[in-house]
Amino acid sequence: MDAILYLARTGCQWRYLPKDFPPFQTVYWYFTWWHDDGTVERVHDALRVKVRQADGRCAEPSADLVDSQSVRAADTALKSTSGFDAGKKTKGRKRFIVTDTLGLLLTVHVLAPDRREDLGRSGLCRPTRRVALRRPAPQAGRSSARSPDSTASRPSRSWAVERTFARITTRRRLACDYERNPAHCDTMIRWAMTDLILRLLRGRPTTRQGPRPLRKISDTFSDSCMDPAHGS
């Protein structure tokens, strides 16, 4: 499991896994085995329930957020499973995800971007859950004329699903679609979200590193010369 999380976080190739992990053939075998028998999805769903309960919410959400993202596909992706998105001017694949209002992943479906969007949304159908499509937020300075009880007057939560896409792309393996099988891309997204949920449960949310101050070479050289350990 640590080897798969390392690969999803760093984006290295299977053959370039460090020697600290088992052979890449063994790691890939477990990756495909857990994908086929649904272990990855069960583990991810169990951890998602823990996060929701820790936040004081029900185990199953009552509202969902749906969105899509077009990503560039590498040369390892099959041409039969990729295409060209004329709207985003991107050649690759399109990811459809469903999240709750916290931004936790519920369902994911990857397909070619030139396919109709209703086909991608049909792969996200969850019959026991009401799907709430994201609505544009009202412009600043304008008030809604509808009653306070109407759904349109409620604040928009579309930023939650957008934040999920941003968190997914922090994993270098998912910054570009490298998988030959689109179903394996679904599983890799679940592994990335599993890593994120584990960090949330440990109290270490995922953050991007900010710019670090640079030091002059002359300052570093002078400090080393004044160190008694480097004396003559």
Protein backbone atom coordinates (compact mmCIF):
# COMPACT_ATOMS: atom_id res chain seq x y z
CA MET A 1 0.00 0.00 0.00
CA ASP A 2 2.82 2.43 0.81
CA ALA A 3 4.37 1.73 -2.59
CA ILE A 4 1.12 2.60 -4.41
CA LEU A 5 0.68 5.77 -2.38
CA TYR A 6 4.30 6.71 -3.13
CA LEU A 7 3.75 6.18 -6.85
CA ALA A 8 0.54 8.26 -6.84
CA ARG A 9 2.25 11.08 -4.92
CA THR A 10 5.53 11.25 -6.87
CA GLY A 11 4.32 10.13 -10.31
CA CYS A 12 7.25 7.81 -10.96
CA GLN A 13 7.03 4.81 -13.26
CA TRP A 14 6.32 1.36 -11.90
CA ARG A 15 9.83 0.19 -12.77
CA TYR A 16 11.40 3.14 -10.92
CA LEU A 17 9.96 2.37 -7.49
CA PRO A 18 12.70 2.58 -4.84
CA LYS A 19 14.37 -0.56 -3.60
CA ASP A 20 12.76 -0.05 -0.18
CA PHE A 21 9.51 -1.36 -1.65
CA PRO A 22 8.77 -4.83 -3.03
CA PRO A 23 9.46 -5.53 -6.74
CA PHE A 24 7.31 -3.45 -9.05
CA GLN A 25 5.72 -6.60 -10.49
CA THR A 26 4.41 -7.49 -7.02
CA VAL A 27 3.16 -3.96 -6.36
CA TYR A 28 1.38 -3.80 -9.72
CA TRP A 29 -0.17 -7.23 -9.14
CA TYR A 30 -1.67 -6.05 -5.86
CA PHE A 31 -2.80 -2.82 -7.53
CA THR A 32 -4.76 -4.71 -10.20
CA TRP A 33 -6.03 -7.35 -7.73
CA TRP A 34 -7.41 -4.76 -5.31
CA HIS A 35 -8.92 -2.93 -8.28
CA ASP A 36 -10.71 -6.04 -9.57
CA ASP A 37 -12.15 -7.21 -6.24
CA GLY A 38 -13.21 -3.70 -5.11
CA THR A 39 -10.90 -3.48 -2.10
CA VAL A 40 -9.77 0.06 -2.94
CA GLU A 41 -13.32 1.36 -3.14
CA ARG A 42 -14.34 -0.32 0.15
CA VAL A 43 -11.32 1.05 2.02
CA HIS A 44 -11.86 4.54 0.62
CA ASP A 45 -15.57 4.54 1.49
CA ALA A 46 -14.87 3.35 5.06
CA LEU A 47 -12.34 6.14 5.61
CA ARG A 48 -14.72 8.72 4.11
CA VAL A 49 -17.38 7.71 6.64
CA LYS A 50 -14.88 8.27 9.47
CA VAL A 51 -14.13 11.79 8.24
CA ARG A 52 -17.83 12.65 7.97
CA GLN A 53 -18.58 11.29 11.43
CA ALA A 54 -15.62 13.19 12.90
CA ASP A 55 -17.12 16.36 11.40
CA GLY A 56 -20.47 15.62 13.07
CA ARG A 57 -22.28 14.57 9.90
CA CYS A 58 -24.21 11.50 8.85
CA ALA A 59 -22.33 8.59 7.30
CA GLU A 60 -24.11 9.03 3.95
CA PRO A 61 -24.53 12.51 2.41
CA SER A 62 -27.90 13.86 1.38
CA ALA A 63 -26.59 16.09 -1.42
CA ASP A 64 -23.91 15.64 -4.06
CA LEU A 65 -21.81 17.89 -6.29
CA VAL A 66 -20.99 16.88 -9.88
CA ASP A 67 -18.23 18.31 -12.06
CA SER A 68 -15.83 17.26 -14.83
CA GLN A 69 -12.21 17.96 -15.70
CA SER A 70 -10.30 17.44 -18.95
CA VAL A 71 -6.67 16.35 -18.53
CA ARG A 72 -3.91 15.69 -21.01
CA ALA A 73 -3.15 12.02 -21.70
CA ALA A 74 0.37 10.65 -22.04
CA ASP A 75 1.58 8.54 -24.94
CA THR A 76 0.96 5.43 -22.83
CA ALA A 77 -2.82 5.99 -22.99
CA LEU A 78 -4.58 4.09 -25.75
CA LYS A 79 -5.98 6.19 -28.57
CA SER A 80 -9.25 4.26 -28.44
CA THR A 81 -9.86 5.50 -24.86
CA SER A 82 -8.78 9.13 -25.37
CA GLY A 83 -9.87 11.98 -27.60
CA PHE A 84 -9.93 15.75 -28.09
CA ASP A 85 -11.98 18.18 -26.03
CA ALA A 86 -12.87 21.01 -28.40
CA GLY A 87 -14.13 23.21 -25.57
CA LYS A 88 -10.95 23.03 -23.46
CA LYS A 89 -8.57 22.46 -26.41
CA THR A 90 -7.17 19.44 -24.59
CA LYS A 91 -6.21 16.07 -26.03
CA GLY A 92 -6.64 13.38 -23.43
CA ARG A 93 -9.44 12.17 -21.16
CA LYS A 94 -12.23 13.66 -19.07
CA ARG A 95 -12.81 12.91 -15.40
CA PHE A 96 -16.32 13.02 -13.95
CA ILE A 97 -16.52 13.02 -10.16
CA VAL A 98 -19.27 13.21 -7.55
CA THR A 99 -18.39 14.62 -4.12
CA ASP A 100 -20.28 15.51 -0.99
CA THR A 101 -20.43 19.07 0.35
CA LEU A 102 -17.13 18.47 2.17
CA GLY A 103 -15.38 17.66 -1.10
CA LEU A 104 -14.94 13.95 -0.31
CA LEU A 105 -15.09 11.66 -3.32
CA LEU A 106 -18.18 9.51 -3.82
CA THR A 107 -17.93 8.30 -7.42
CA VAL A 108 -15.52 8.79 -10.32
CA HIS A 109 -15.79 7.93 -14.02
CA VAL A 110 -13.13 8.53 -16.71
CA LEU A 111 -13.78 8.44 -20.45
CA ALA A 112 -12.74 10.10 -23.69
CA PRO A 113 -13.55 13.85 -23.76
CA ASP A 114 -15.15 13.69 -27.20
CA ARG A 115 -17.94 11.49 -25.86
CA ARG A 116 -21.23 13.11 -24.94
CA GLU A 117 -21.27 14.56 -21.44
CA ASP A 118 -24.50 12.80 -20.55
CA LEU A 119 -22.69 9.47 -21.03
CA GLY A 120 -20.13 10.48 -18.44
CA ARG A 121 -22.78 11.61 -15.98
CA SER A 122 -24.74 8.40 -16.52
CA GLY A 123 -21.76 6.46 -15.19
CA LEU A 124 -22.05 8.41 -11.94
CA CYS A 125 -25.66 7.46 -11.19
CA ARG A 126 -26.26 6.61 -7.54
CA PRO A 127 -29.90 5.55 -7.17
CA THR A 128 -29.97 6.00 -3.39
CA ARG A 129 -28.67 9.56 -3.43
CA ARG A 130 -30.07 12.85 -4.72
CA VAL A 131 -27.65 14.49 -7.13
CA ALA A 132 -27.41 18.26 -6.76
CA LEU A 133 -25.80 19.90 -9.77
CA ARG A 134 -23.60 22.83 -8.95
CA ARG A 135 -25.23 26.25 -9.38
CA PRO A 136 -23.48 29.54 -10.16
CA ALA A 137 -23.13 31.76 -7.12
CA PRO A 138 -25.12 35.03 -7.19
CA GLN A 139 -23.16 38.13 -8.08
CA ALA A 140 -21.98 40.37 -5.31
CA GLY A 141 -24.30 43.25 -4.49
CA ARG A 142 -27.40 41.48 -5.81
CA SER A 143 -29.99 39.82 -3.64
CA SER A 144 -32.22 36.97 -4.73
CA ALA A 145 -35.92 37.82 -5.05
CA ARG A 146 -36.99 34.29 -4.13
CA SER A 147 -38.07 33.16 -0.69
CA PRO A 148 -35.39 32.19 1.85
CA ASP A 149 -36.62 28.59 1.74
CA SER A 150 -35.86 28.17 -1.96
CA THR A 151 -32.84 26.14 -3.03
CA ALA A 152 -31.49 28.89 -5.32
CA SER A 153 -31.09 31.32 -2.41
CA ARG A 154 -28.76 28.99 -0.53
CA PRO A 155 -25.00 29.64 -0.77
CA SER A 156 -23.26 27.75 -3.56
CA ARG A 157 -20.97 24.86 -2.60
CA SER A 158 -19.43 24.41 -6.04
CA TRP A 159 -16.03 25.39 -4.66
CA ALA A 160 -15.91 22.07 -2.76
CA VAL A 161 -15.76 19.94 -5.91
CA GLU A 162 -13.31 22.38 -7.50
CA ARG A 163 -11.08 22.02 -4.43
CA THR A 164 -11.23 18.25 -4.84
CA PHE A 165 -9.88 18.54 -8.39
CA ALA A 166 -7.10 20.80 -7.09
CA ARG A 167 -6.18 18.27 -4.41
CA ILE A 168 -6.20 15.41 -6.90
CA THR A 169 -3.81 17.15 -9.25
CA THR A 170 -1.30 17.69 -6.43
CA ARG A 171 -0.51 14.00 -6.93
CA ARG A 172 1.94 13.96 -9.83
CA ARG A 173 0.57 10.67 -11.16
CA LEU A 174 -2.77 12.41 -11.75
CA ALA A 175 -1.45 15.68 -13.15
CA CYS A 176 -1.51 13.83 -16.48
CA ASP A 177 -3.34 10.61 -17.39
CA TYR A 178 -0.70 7.89 -17.69
CA GLU A 179 -2.91 4.82 -17.34
CA ARG A 180 -3.57 2.54 -20.31
CA ASN A 181 -6.89 1.43 -18.83
CA PRO A 182 -9.31 4.26 -17.89
CA ALA A 183 -10.66 2.09 -15.05
CA HIS A 184 -7.18 2.08 -13.50
CA CYS A 185 -7.30 5.89 -13.57
CA ASP A 186 -10.48 5.68 -11.48
CA THR A 187 -8.63 3.52 -8.99
CA MET A 188 -5.61 5.83 -8.92
CA ILE A 189 -7.90 8.77 -8.09
CA ARG A 190 -9.35 6.76 -5.21
CA TRP A 191 -5.82 6.01 -3.97
CA ALA A 192 -5.03 9.73 -4.07
CA MET A 193 -8.18 10.56 -2.11
CA THR A 194 -7.38 7.77 0.36
CA ASP A 195 -3.99 9.37 0.98
CA LEU A 196 -5.71 12.73 1.49
CA ILE A 197 -8.25 11.28 3.92
CA LEU A 198 -5.50 9.59 5.93
CA ARG A 199 -3.76 12.94 6.26
CA LEU A 200 -7.01 14.57 7.39
CA LEU A 201 -7.56 11.90 10.03
CA ARG A 202 -4.00 12.41 11.30
CA GLY A 203 -4.49 16.17 11.41
CA ARG A 204 -2.03 16.86 8.58
CA PRO A 205 -3.97 18.34 5.63
CA THR A 206 -2.35 18.48 2.23
CA THR A 207 -0.81 21.88 1.51
CA ARG A 208 1.37 23.20 -1.27
CA GLN A 209 4.87 24.29 -0.32
CA GLY A 210 5.36 28.02 -0.59
CA PRO A 211 8.45 29.79 -1.91
CA ARG A 212 11.56 29.37 0.19
CA PRO A 213 14.05 32.22 0.72
CA LEU A 214 17.28 31.78 -1.21
CA ARG A 215 20.67 32.13 0.45
CA LYS A 216 23.71 33.55 -1.27
CA ILE A 217 26.58 31.19 -1.91
CA SER A 218 28.99 33.64 -0.29
CA ASP A 219 27.00 33.53 2.98
CA THR A 220 27.00 29.74 2.99
CA PHE A 221 30.76 29.66 2.29
CA SER A 222 31.53 32.15 5.06
CA ASP A 223 29.45 30.17 7.57
CA SER A 224 31.33 26.98 6.71
CA CYS A 225 34.70 28.72 7.06
CA MET A 226 33.83 30.01 10.54
CA ASP A 227 32.75 26.55 11.68
CA PRO A 228 35.51 25.03 13.88
CA ALA A 229 34.78 21.60 12.47
CA HIS A 230 35.97 22.81 9.05
CA GLY A 231 39.13 24.44 10.38
CA SER A 232 42.60 23.46 9.24
